[in-house]
Structure formats: structure tokens, C-alpha cells
Amino acid sequence: MAGFGVFRQTGDVELGYTLRRDRWGRGYATEAAQACLEAGLARLDVARIVAVVDEENLRSSRVAERLGMAVVDTVDVHGRPHSLFAFRLGPAA
């Protein structure tokens, strides 16, 4: 499952994705997140879309990287460090 929300710490549109553990490693998260990101690019008037990933979640970090996102910061979420990945879209119109 993939979808958008708002990351409260920055106000950015946040792309989130999650799967049951028995579905990991099959490319489903990348496929769902890519479709969601493409829809966001086509419909949202924002300068960037972010993904917030627990630094220990290497699989999720790889999904963000496959989408063309890059780490731009580290943020604290519930007392744990998370990588803030961003996909820059250019200036919002």
C-alpha cells in the first residue's frame, strides 16, 4: 500500500508505503510507491515530495532510492532517527 500524507515537521507532502512482511523482497513496495509518486507528480502543485524512513530500515531506504529520492536531512520521529528523503519537483507554480 502506498499513499500521501503531510509530514508535520516540515509541512511537505509525504509519500508512505508499507507491506506485510511475507510480501517483502518482491518489488511490490517499489511498484506501488512509483505509481503513487507518478500520480503525485501529475496532480500535486508542490516543490518536493518526501519520504521519512527509519535509519535502520534498509529495505525502505532502497525503495526511496529506486524512486530517485535522495537523503536531504535526518529528523527525529518518536525518539528515533529517520532519514528524510526528498524528490525535488522544482518550484511550485
PDB file of N, CA and C in Angstrom:
ATOM      1  N   MET A   1       0.841  -1.161   0.000  1.00  0.00           N
ATOM      2  CA  MET A   1       0.000   0.000   0.000  1.00  0.00           C
ATOM      3  C   MET A   1       0.896   1.238   0.000  1.00  0.00           C
ATOM      4  N   ALA A   2       0.510   2.235  -0.762  1.00  0.00           N
ATOM      5  CA  ALA A   2       1.249   3.497  -0.807  1.00  0.00           C
ATOM      6  C   ALA A   2       0.246   4.639  -0.852  1.00  0.00           C
ATOM      7  N   GLY A   3       0.659   5.779  -0.326  1.00  0.00           N
ATOM      8  CA  GLY A   3      -0.221   6.935  -0.333  1.00  0.00           C
ATOM      9  C   GLY A   3       0.497   8.176   0.154  1.00  0.00           C
ATOM     10  N   PHE A   4      -0.226   9.278   0.189  1.00  0.00           N
ATOM     11  CA  PHE A   4       0.330  10.555   0.597  1.00  0.00           C
ATOM     12  C   PHE A   4      -0.276  11.035   1.905  1.00  0.00           C
ATOM     13  N   GLY A   5       0.506  11.793   2.630  1.00  0.00           N
ATOM     14  CA  GLY A   5       0.068  12.491   3.824  1.00  0.00           C
ATOM     15  C   GLY A   5       0.879  13.768   3.916  1.00  0.00           C
ATOM     16  N   VAL A   6       0.841  14.402   5.058  1.00  0.00           N
ATOM     17  CA  VAL A   6       1.652  15.596   5.290  1.00  0.00           C
ATOM     18  C   VAL A   6       2.608  15.293   6.431  1.00  0.00           C
ATOM     19  N   PHE A   7       3.898  15.508   6.203  1.00  0.00           N
ATOM     20  CA  PHE A   7       4.893  15.333   7.261  1.00  0.00           C
ATOM     21  C   PHE A   7       4.872  16.601   8.098  1.00  0.00           C
ATOM     22  N   ARG A   8       4.357  16.495   9.302  1.00  0.00           N
ATOM     23  CA  ARG A   8       4.098  17.667  10.145  1.00  0.00           C
ATOM     24  C   ARG A   8       5.341  18.485  10.452  1.00  0.00           C
ATOM     25  N   GLN A   9       6.485  17.841  10.593  1.00  0.00           N
ATOM     26  CA  GLN A   9       7.696  18.588  10.966  1.00  0.00           C
ATOM     27  C   GLN A   9       8.121  19.585   9.900  1.00  0.00           C
ATOM     28  N   THR A  10       7.826  19.301   8.629  1.00  0.00           N
ATOM     29  CA  THR A  10       8.256  20.192   7.556  1.00  0.00           C
ATOM     30  C   THR A  10       7.101  20.769   6.746  1.00  0.00           C
ATOM     31  N   GLY A  11       5.926  20.154   6.852  1.00  0.00           N
ATOM     32  CA  GLY A  11       4.792  20.585   6.044  1.00  0.00           C
ATOM     33  C   GLY A  11       4.810  20.042   4.630  1.00  0.00           C
ATOM     34  N   ASP A  12       5.797  19.200   4.314  1.00  0.00           N
ATOM     35  CA  ASP A  12       5.902  18.616   2.974  1.00  0.00           C
ATOM     36  C   ASP A  12       4.880  17.510   2.765  1.00  0.00           C
ATOM     37  N   VAL A  13       4.540  17.279   1.505  1.00  0.00           N
ATOM     38  CA  VAL A  13       3.773  16.095   1.139  1.00  0.00           C
ATOM     39  C   VAL A  13       4.687  14.892   1.350  1.00  0.00           C
ATOM     40  N   GLU A  14       4.179  13.901   2.093  1.00  0.00           N
ATOM     41  CA  GLU A  14       4.978  12.711   2.403  1.00  0.00           C
ATOM     42  C   GLU A  14       4.411  11.488   1.695  1.00  0.00           C
ATOM     43  N   LEU A  15       5.274  10.792   0.989  1.00  0.00           N
ATOM     44  CA  LEU A  15       4.937   9.519   0.369  1.00  0.00           C
ATOM     45  C   LEU A  15       5.225   8.418   1.379  1.00  0.00           C
ATOM     46  N   GLY A  16       4.235   7.604   1.658  1.00  0.00           N
ATOM     47  CA  GLY A  16       4.428   6.487   2.575  1.00  0.00           C
ATOM     48  C   GLY A  16       4.088   5.182   1.887  1.00  0.00           C
ATOM     49  N   TYR A  17       4.718   4.103   2.319  1.00  0.00           N
ATOM     50  CA  TYR A  17       4.438   2.783   1.752  1.00  0.00           C
ATOM     51  C   TYR A  17       4.692   1.735   2.824  1.00  0.00           C
ATOM     52  N   THR A  18       3.896   0.688   2.777  1.00  0.00           N
ATOM     53  CA  THR A  18       4.031  -0.391   3.749  1.00  0.00           C
ATOM     54  C   THR A  18       3.521  -1.692   3.139  1.00  0.00           C
ATOM     55  N   LEU A  19       4.115  -2.778   3.559  1.00  0.00           N
ATOM     56  CA  LEU A  19       3.706  -4.109   3.108  1.00  0.00           C
ATOM     57  C   LEU A  19       3.780  -5.093   4.261  1.00  0.00           C
ATOM     58  N   ARG A  20       3.002  -6.146   4.159  1.00  0.00           N
ATOM     59  CA  ARG A  20       3.154  -7.244   5.110  1.00  0.00           C
ATOM     60  C   ARG A  20       4.515  -7.888   4.874  1.00  0.00           C
ATOM     61  N   ARG A  21       5.110  -8.369   5.933  1.00  0.00           N
ATOM     62  CA  ARG A  21       6.453  -8.949   5.861  1.00  0.00           C
ATOM     63  C   ARG A  21       6.546 -10.083   4.830  1.00  0.00           C
ATOM     64  N   ASP A  22       5.500 -10.880   4.686  1.00  0.00           N
ATOM     65  CA  ASP A  22       5.570 -12.004   3.744  1.00  0.00           C
ATOM     66  C   ASP A  22       5.533 -11.555   2.282  1.00  0.00           C
ATOM     67  N   ARG A  23       5.388 -10.260   2.039  1.00  0.00           N
ATOM     68  CA  ARG A  23       5.407  -9.711   0.670  1.00  0.00           C
ATOM     69  C   ARG A  23       6.694  -8.944   0.367  1.00  0.00           C
ATOM     70  N   TRP A  24       7.583  -8.841   1.351  1.00  0.00           N
ATOM     71  CA  TRP A  24       8.837  -8.115   1.159  1.00  0.00           C
ATOM     72  C   TRP A  24       9.706  -8.805   0.103  1.00  0.00           C
ATOM     73  N   GLY A  25      10.558  -8.005  -0.557  1.00  0.00           N
ATOM     74  CA  GLY A  25      11.555  -8.537  -1.482  1.00  0.00           C
ATOM     75  C   GLY A  25      11.020  -8.926  -2.843  1.00  0.00           C
ATOM     76  N   ARG A  26       9.819  -8.523  -3.169  1.00  0.00           N
ATOM     77  CA  ARG A  26       9.215  -8.882  -4.456  1.00  0.00           C
ATOM     78  C   ARG A  26       9.003  -7.683  -5.374  1.00  0.00           C
ATOM     79  N   GLY A  27       9.408  -6.495  -4.928  1.00  0.00           N
ATOM     80  CA  GLY A  27       9.260  -5.297  -5.742  1.00  0.00           C
ATOM     81  C   GLY A  27       7.912  -4.608  -5.625  1.00  0.00           C
ATOM     82  N   TYR A  28       7.023  -5.138  -4.789  1.00  0.00           N
ATOM     83  CA  TYR A  28       5.684  -4.560  -4.677  1.00  0.00           C
ATOM     84  C   TYR A  28       5.707  -3.144  -4.101  1.00  0.00           C
ATOM     85  N   ALA A  29       6.529  -2.912  -3.094  1.00  0.00           N
ATOM     86  CA  ALA A  29       6.592  -1.573  -2.486  1.00  0.00           C
ATOM     87  C   ALA A  29       7.089  -0.555  -3.500  1.00  0.00           C
ATOM     88  N   THR A  30       8.118  -0.930  -4.256  1.00  0.00           N
ATOM     89  CA  THR A  30       8.650  -0.021  -5.272  1.00  0.00           C
ATOM     90  C   THR A  30       7.591   0.268  -6.330  1.00  0.00           C
ATOM     91  N   GLU A  31       6.898  -0.773  -6.778  1.00  0.00           N
ATOM     92  CA  GLU A  31       5.874  -0.601  -7.810  1.00  0.00           C
ATOM     93  C   GLU A  31       4.733   0.297  -7.324  1.00  0.00           C
ATOM     94  N   ALA A  32       4.247   0.051  -6.122  1.00  0.00           N
ATOM     95  CA  ALA A  32       3.145   0.857  -5.583  1.00  0.00           C
ATOM     96  C   ALA A  32       3.582   2.294  -5.325  1.00  0.00           C
ATOM     97  N   ALA A  33       4.768   2.463  -4.744  1.00  0.00           N
ATOM     98  CA  ALA A  33       5.267   3.809  -4.452  1.00  0.00           C
ATOM     99  C   ALA A  33       5.540   4.578  -5.738  1.00  0.00           C
ATOM    100  N   GLN A  34       6.055   3.892  -6.768  1.00  0.00           N
ATOM    101  CA  GLN A  34       6.319   4.548  -8.054  1.00  0.00           C
ATOM    102  C   GLN A  34       5.016   5.042  -8.674  1.00  0.00           C
ATOM    103  N   ALA A  35       3.982   4.217  -8.655  1.00  0.00           N
ATOM    104  CA  ALA A  35       2.685   4.625  -9.210  1.00  0.00           C
ATOM    105  C   ALA A  35       2.123   5.822  -8.445  1.00  0.00           C
ATOM    106  N   CYS A  36       2.255   5.790  -7.136  1.00  0.00           N
ATOM    107  CA  CYS A  36       1.766   6.891  -6.303  1.00  0.00           C
ATOM    108  C   CYS A  36       2.559   8.168  -6.586  1.00  0.00           C
ATOM    109  N   LEU A  37       3.880   8.043  -6.665  1.00  0.00           N
ATOM    110  CA  LEU A  37       4.730   9.200  -6.942  1.00  0.00           C
ATOM    111  C   LEU A  37       4.390   9.806  -8.304  1.00  0.00           C
ATOM    112  N   GLU A  38       4.203   8.966  -9.315  1.00  0.00           N
ATOM    113  CA  GLU A  38       3.845   9.468 -10.647  1.00  0.00           C
ATOM    114  C   GLU A  38       2.515  10.218 -10.614  1.00  0.00           C
ATOM    115  N   ALA A  39       1.550   9.695  -9.872  1.00  0.00           N
ATOM    116  CA  ALA A  39       0.263  10.391  -9.738  1.00  0.00           C
ATOM    117  C   ALA A  39       0.456  11.729  -9.033  1.00  0.00           C
ATOM    118  N   GLY A  40       1.299  11.746  -8.005  1.00  0.00           N
ATOM    119  CA  GLY A  40       1.579  12.988  -7.293  1.00  0.00           C
ATOM    120  C   GLY A  40       2.257  14.019  -8.177  1.00  0.00           C
ATOM    121  N   LEU A  41       3.201  13.557  -8.979  1.00  0.00           N
ATOM    122  CA  LEU A  41       3.893  14.467  -9.892  1.00  0.00           C
ATOM    123  C   LEU A  41       2.916  15.093 -10.884  1.00  0.00           C
ATOM    124  N   ALA A  42       1.947  14.307 -11.324  1.00  0.00           N
ATOM    125  CA  ALA A  42       0.984  14.788 -12.312  1.00  0.00           C
ATOM    126  C   ALA A  42      -0.080  15.709 -11.712  1.00  0.00           C
ATOM    127  N   ARG A  43      -0.379  15.542 -10.420  1.00  0.00           N
ATOM    128  CA  ARG A  43      -1.541  16.233  -9.858  1.00  0.00           C
ATOM    129  C   ARG A  43      -1.260  17.242  -8.750  1.00  0.00           C
ATOM    130  N   LEU A  44      -0.127  17.123  -8.091  1.00  0.00           N
ATOM    131  CA  LEU A  44       0.140  17.986  -6.936  1.00  0.00           C
ATOM    132  C   LEU A  44       1.003  19.175  -7.324  1.00  0.00           C
ATOM    133  N   ASP A  45       0.682  20.314  -6.806  1.00  0.00           N
ATOM    134  CA  ASP A  45       1.436  21.538  -7.071  1.00  0.00           C
ATOM    135  C   ASP A  45       2.341  21.813  -5.867  1.00  0.00           C
ATOM    136  N   VAL A  46       3.426  21.036  -5.770  1.00  0.00           N
ATOM    137  CA  VAL A  46       4.359  21.162  -4.651  1.00  0.00           C
ATOM    138  C   VAL A  46       5.787  21.184  -5.185  1.00  0.00           C
ATOM    139  N   ALA A  47       6.700  21.730  -4.375  1.00  0.00           N
ATOM    140  CA  ALA A  47       8.101  21.813  -4.777  1.00  0.00           C
ATOM    141  C   ALA A  47       8.848  20.502  -4.559  1.00  0.00           C
ATOM    142  N   ARG A  48       8.382  19.692  -3.590  1.00  0.00           N
ATOM    143  CA  ARG A  48       9.036  18.404  -3.362  1.00  0.00           C
ATOM    144  C   ARG A  48       8.079  17.458  -2.648  1.00  0.00           C
ATOM    145  N   ILE A  49       8.395  16.186  -2.782  1.00  0.00           N
ATOM    146  CA  ILE A  49       7.702  15.122  -2.064  1.00  0.00           C
ATOM    147  C   ILE A  49       8.761  14.405  -1.244  1.00  0.00           C
ATOM    148  N   VAL A  50       8.447  14.102   0.018  1.00  0.00           N
ATOM    149  CA  VAL A  50       9.429  13.463   0.894  1.00  0.00           C
ATOM    150  C   VAL A  50       8.968  12.070   1.309  1.00  0.00           C
ATOM    151  N   ALA A  51       9.943  11.285   1.760  1.00  0.00           N
ATOM    152  CA  ALA A  51       9.687  10.003   2.416  1.00  0.00           C
ATOM    153  C   ALA A  51      10.521  10.006   3.689  1.00  0.00           C
ATOM    154  N   VAL A  52       9.929   9.604   4.787  1.00  0.00           N
ATOM    155  CA  VAL A  52      10.597   9.600   6.087  1.00  0.00           C
ATOM    156  C   VAL A  52      10.818   8.140   6.469  1.00  0.00           C
ATOM    157  N   VAL A  53      12.105   7.737   6.561  1.00  0.00           N
ATOM    158  CA  VAL A  53      12.446   6.325   6.717  1.00  0.00           C
ATOM    159  C   VAL A  53      13.329   6.123   7.943  1.00  0.00           C
ATOM    160  N   ASP A  54      12.927   5.212   8.821  1.00  0.00           N
ATOM    161  CA  ASP A  54      13.758   4.838   9.967  1.00  0.00           C
ATOM    162  C   ASP A  54      15.134   4.435   9.446  1.00  0.00           C
ATOM    163  N   GLU A  55      16.177   4.970  10.042  1.00  0.00           N
ATOM    164  CA  GLU A  55      17.532   4.722   9.545  1.00  0.00           C
ATOM    165  C   GLU A  55      17.917   3.245   9.555  1.00  0.00           C
ATOM    166  N   GLU A  56      17.249   2.436  10.355  1.00  0.00           N
ATOM    167  CA  GLU A  56      17.545   1.002  10.390  1.00  0.00           C
ATOM    168  C   GLU A  56      16.775   0.214   9.330  1.00  0.00           C
ATOM    169  N   ASN A  57      15.845   0.853   8.639  1.00  0.00           N
ATOM    170  CA  ASN A  57      15.019   0.166   7.648  1.00  0.00           C
ATOM    171  C   ASN A  57      15.670   0.279   6.267  1.00  0.00           C
ATOM    172  N   LEU A  58      16.651  -0.574   6.029  1.00  0.00           N
ATOM    173  CA  LEU A  58      17.418  -0.508   4.786  1.00  0.00           C
ATOM    174  C   LEU A  58      16.569  -0.811   3.557  1.00  0.00           C
ATOM    175  N   ARG A  59      15.622  -1.717   3.677  1.00  0.00           N
ATOM    176  CA  ARG A  59      14.759  -2.039   2.532  1.00  0.00           C
ATOM    177  C   ARG A  59      13.936  -0.822   2.103  1.00  0.00           C
ATOM    178  N   SER A  60      13.391  -0.119   3.063  1.00  0.00           N
ATOM    179  CA  SER A  60      12.597   1.063   2.750  1.00  0.00           C
ATOM    180  C   SER A  60      13.472   2.172   2.166  1.00  0.00           C
ATOM    181  N   SER A  61      14.690   2.290   2.674  1.00  0.00           N
ATOM    182  CA  SER A  61      15.626   3.273   2.110  1.00  0.00           C
ATOM    183  C   SER A  61      15.917   2.960   0.650  1.00  0.00           C
ATOM    184  N   ARG A  62      16.073   1.671   0.330  1.00  0.00           N
ATOM    185  CA  ARG A  62      16.336   1.276  -1.062  1.00  0.00           C
ATOM    186  C   ARG A  62      15.144   1.607  -1.961  1.00  0.00           C
ATOM    187  N   VAL A  63      13.935   1.444  -1.452  1.00  0.00           N
ATOM    188  CA  VAL A  63      12.752   1.815  -2.237  1.00  0.00           C
ATOM    189  C   VAL A  63      12.817   3.301  -2.574  1.00  0.00           C
ATOM    190  N   ALA A  64      13.076   4.138  -1.585  1.00  0.00           N
ATOM    191  CA  ALA A  64      13.159   5.587  -1.821  1.00  0.00           C
ATOM    192  C   ALA A  64      14.247   5.911  -2.840  1.00  0.00           C
ATOM    193  N   GLU A  65      15.386   5.249  -2.730  1.00  0.00           N
ATOM    194  CA  GLU A  65      16.475   5.481  -3.683  1.00  0.00           C
ATOM    195  C   GLU A  65      16.077   5.052  -5.091  1.00  0.00           C
ATOM    196  N   ARG A  66      15.393   3.928  -5.224  1.00  0.00           N
ATOM    197  CA  ARG A  66      14.943   3.467  -6.544  1.00  0.00           C
ATOM    198  C   ARG A  66      13.968   4.452  -7.189  1.00  0.00           C
ATOM    199  N   LEU A  67      13.259   5.198  -6.360  1.00  0.00           N
ATOM    200  CA  LEU A  67      12.316   6.198  -6.868  1.00  0.00           C
ATOM    201  C   LEU A  67      13.011   7.485  -7.296  1.00  0.00           C
ATOM    202  N   GLY A  68      14.317   7.573  -7.066  1.00  0.00           N
ATOM    203  CA  GLY A  68      15.055   8.781  -7.414  1.00  0.00           C
ATOM    204  C   GLY A  68      15.137   9.788  -6.289  1.00  0.00           C
ATOM    205  N   MET A  69      14.789   9.362  -5.087  1.00  0.00           N
ATOM    206  CA  MET A  69      14.859  10.253  -3.927  1.00  0.00           C
ATOM    207  C   MET A  69      16.262  10.204  -3.330  1.00  0.00           C
ATOM    208  N   ALA A  70      16.647  11.282  -2.662  1.00  0.00           N
ATOM    209  CA  ALA A  70      17.953  11.367  -2.009  1.00  0.00           C
ATOM    210  C   ALA A  70      17.769  11.886  -0.588  1.00  0.00           C
ATOM    211  N   VAL A  71      18.645  11.449   0.312  1.00  0.00           N
ATOM    212  CA  VAL A  71      18.597  11.917   1.699  1.00  0.00           C
ATOM    213  C   VAL A  71      19.004  13.384   1.741  1.00  0.00           C
ATOM    214  N   VAL A  72      18.162  14.202   2.375  1.00  0.00           N
ATOM    215  CA  VAL A  72      18.448  15.629   2.497  1.00  0.00           C
ATOM    216  C   VAL A  72      18.592  16.073   3.946  1.00  0.00           C
ATOM    217  N   ASP A  73      18.213  15.203   4.885  1.00  0.00           N
ATOM    218  CA  ASP A  73      18.284  15.576   6.299  1.00  0.00           C
ATOM    219  C   ASP A  73      18.043  14.339   7.154  1.00  0.00           C
ATOM    220  N   THR A  74      18.293  14.478   8.443  1.00  0.00           N
ATOM    221  CA  THR A  74      17.929  13.475   9.437  1.00  0.00           C
ATOM    222  C   THR A  74      16.969  14.141  10.405  1.00  0.00           C
ATOM    223  N   VAL A  75      15.860  13.465  10.703  1.00  0.00           N
ATOM    224  CA  VAL A  75      14.847  14.011  11.601  1.00  0.00           C
ATOM    225  C   VAL A  75      14.557  13.006  12.710  1.00  0.00           C
ATOM    226  N   ASP A  76      14.082  13.522  13.833  1.00  0.00           N
ATOM    227  CA  ASP A  76      13.711  12.679  14.960  1.00  0.00           C
ATOM    228  C   ASP A  76      12.208  12.411  14.891  1.00  0.00           C
ATOM    229  N   VAL A  77      11.841  11.138  14.875  1.00  0.00           N
ATOM    230  CA  VAL A  77      10.430  10.751  14.874  1.00  0.00           C
ATOM    231  C   VAL A  77      10.226   9.768  16.018  1.00  0.00           C
ATOM    232  N   HIS A  78       9.462  10.174  17.006  1.00  0.00           N
ATOM    233  CA  HIS A  78       9.184   9.336  18.179  1.00  0.00           C
ATOM    234  C   HIS A  78      10.471   8.867  18.854  1.00  0.00           C
ATOM    235  N   GLY A  79      11.463   9.757  18.920  1.00  0.00           N
ATOM    236  CA  GLY A  79      12.709   9.447  19.613  1.00  0.00           C
ATOM    237  C   GLY A  79      13.698   8.610  18.830  1.00  0.00           C
ATOM    238  N   ARG A  80      13.429   8.392  17.544  1.00  0.00           N
ATOM    239  CA  ARG A  80      14.336   7.592  16.709  1.00  0.00           C
ATOM    240  C   ARG A  80      14.774   8.411  15.495  1.00  0.00           C
ATOM    241  N   PRO A  81      16.036   8.243  15.072  1.00  0.00           N
ATOM    242  CA  PRO A  81      16.499   8.966  13.887  1.00  0.00           C
ATOM    243  C   PRO A  81      15.909   8.372  12.606  1.00  0.00           C
ATOM    244  N   HIS A  82      15.456   9.254  11.745  1.00  0.00           N
ATOM    245  CA  HIS A  82      14.900   8.872  10.449  1.00  0.00           C
ATOM    246  C   HIS A  82      15.575   9.692   9.354  1.00  0.00           C
ATOM    247  N   SER A  83      15.798   9.067   8.218  1.00  0.00           N
ATOM    248  CA  SER A  83      16.312   9.775   7.051  1.00  0.00           C
ATOM    249  C   SER A  83      15.151  10.467   6.354  1.00  0.00           C
ATOM    250  N   LEU A  84      15.358  11.728   6.014  1.00  0.00           N
ATOM    251  CA  LEU A  84      14.367  12.475   5.246  1.00  0.00           C
ATOM    252  C   LEU A  84      14.821  12.451   3.792  1.00  0.00           C
ATOM    253  N   PHE A  85      14.148  11.639   2.990  1.00  0.00           N
ATOM    254  CA  PHE A  85      14.418  11.559   1.557  1.00  0.00           C
ATOM    255  C   PHE A  85      13.543  12.585   0.852  1.00  0.00           C
ATOM    256  N   ALA A  86      14.035  13.155  -0.240  1.00  0.00           N
ATOM    257  CA  ALA A  86      13.226  14.117  -0.992  1.00  0.00           C
ATOM    258  C   ALA A  86      13.360  13.876  -2.485  1.00  0.00           C
ATOM    259  N   PHE A  87      12.265  14.099  -3.177  1.00  0.00           N
ATOM    260  CA  PHE A  87      12.218  14.110  -4.634  1.00  0.00           C
ATOM    261  C   PHE A  87      11.849  15.527  -5.005  1.00  0.00           C
ATOM    262  N   ARG A  88      12.793  16.247  -5.594  1.00  0.00           N
ATOM    263  CA  ARG A  88      12.555  17.654  -5.933  1.00  0.00           C
ATOM    264  C   ARG A  88      11.821  17.759  -7.255  1.00  0.00           C
ATOM    265  N   LEU A  89      10.786  18.588  -7.245  1.00  0.00           N
ATOM    266  CA  LEU A  89       9.961  18.780  -8.426  1.00  0.00           C
ATOM    267  C   LEU A  89      10.211  20.116  -9.098  1.00  0.00           C
ATOM    268  N   GLY A  90      10.946  20.990  -8.452  1.00  0.00           N
ATOM    269  CA  GLY A  90      11.108  22.344  -8.943  1.00  0.00           C
ATOM    270  C   GLY A  90      10.138  23.251  -8.217  1.00  0.00           C
ATOM    271  N   PRO A  91      10.158  24.547  -8.535  1.00  0.00           N
ATOM    272  CA  PRO A  91       9.297  25.490  -7.822  1.00  0.00           C
ATOM    273  C   PRO A  91       7.820  25.176  -8.028  1.00  0.00           C
ATOM    274  N   ALA A  92       7.051  25.309  -6.969  1.00  0.00           N
ATOM    275  CA  ALA A  92       5.600  25.141  -7.083  1.00  0.00           C
ATOM    276  C   ALA A  92       5.045  26.307  -7.883  1.00  0.00           C
ATOM    277  N   ALA A  93       4.106  26.013  -8.755  1.00  0.00           N
ATOM    278  CA  ALA A  93       3.533  27.061  -9.611  1.00  0.00           C
ATOM    279  C   ALA A  93       2.558  27.919  -8.841  1.00  0.00           C
TER     280      ALA A  93
END
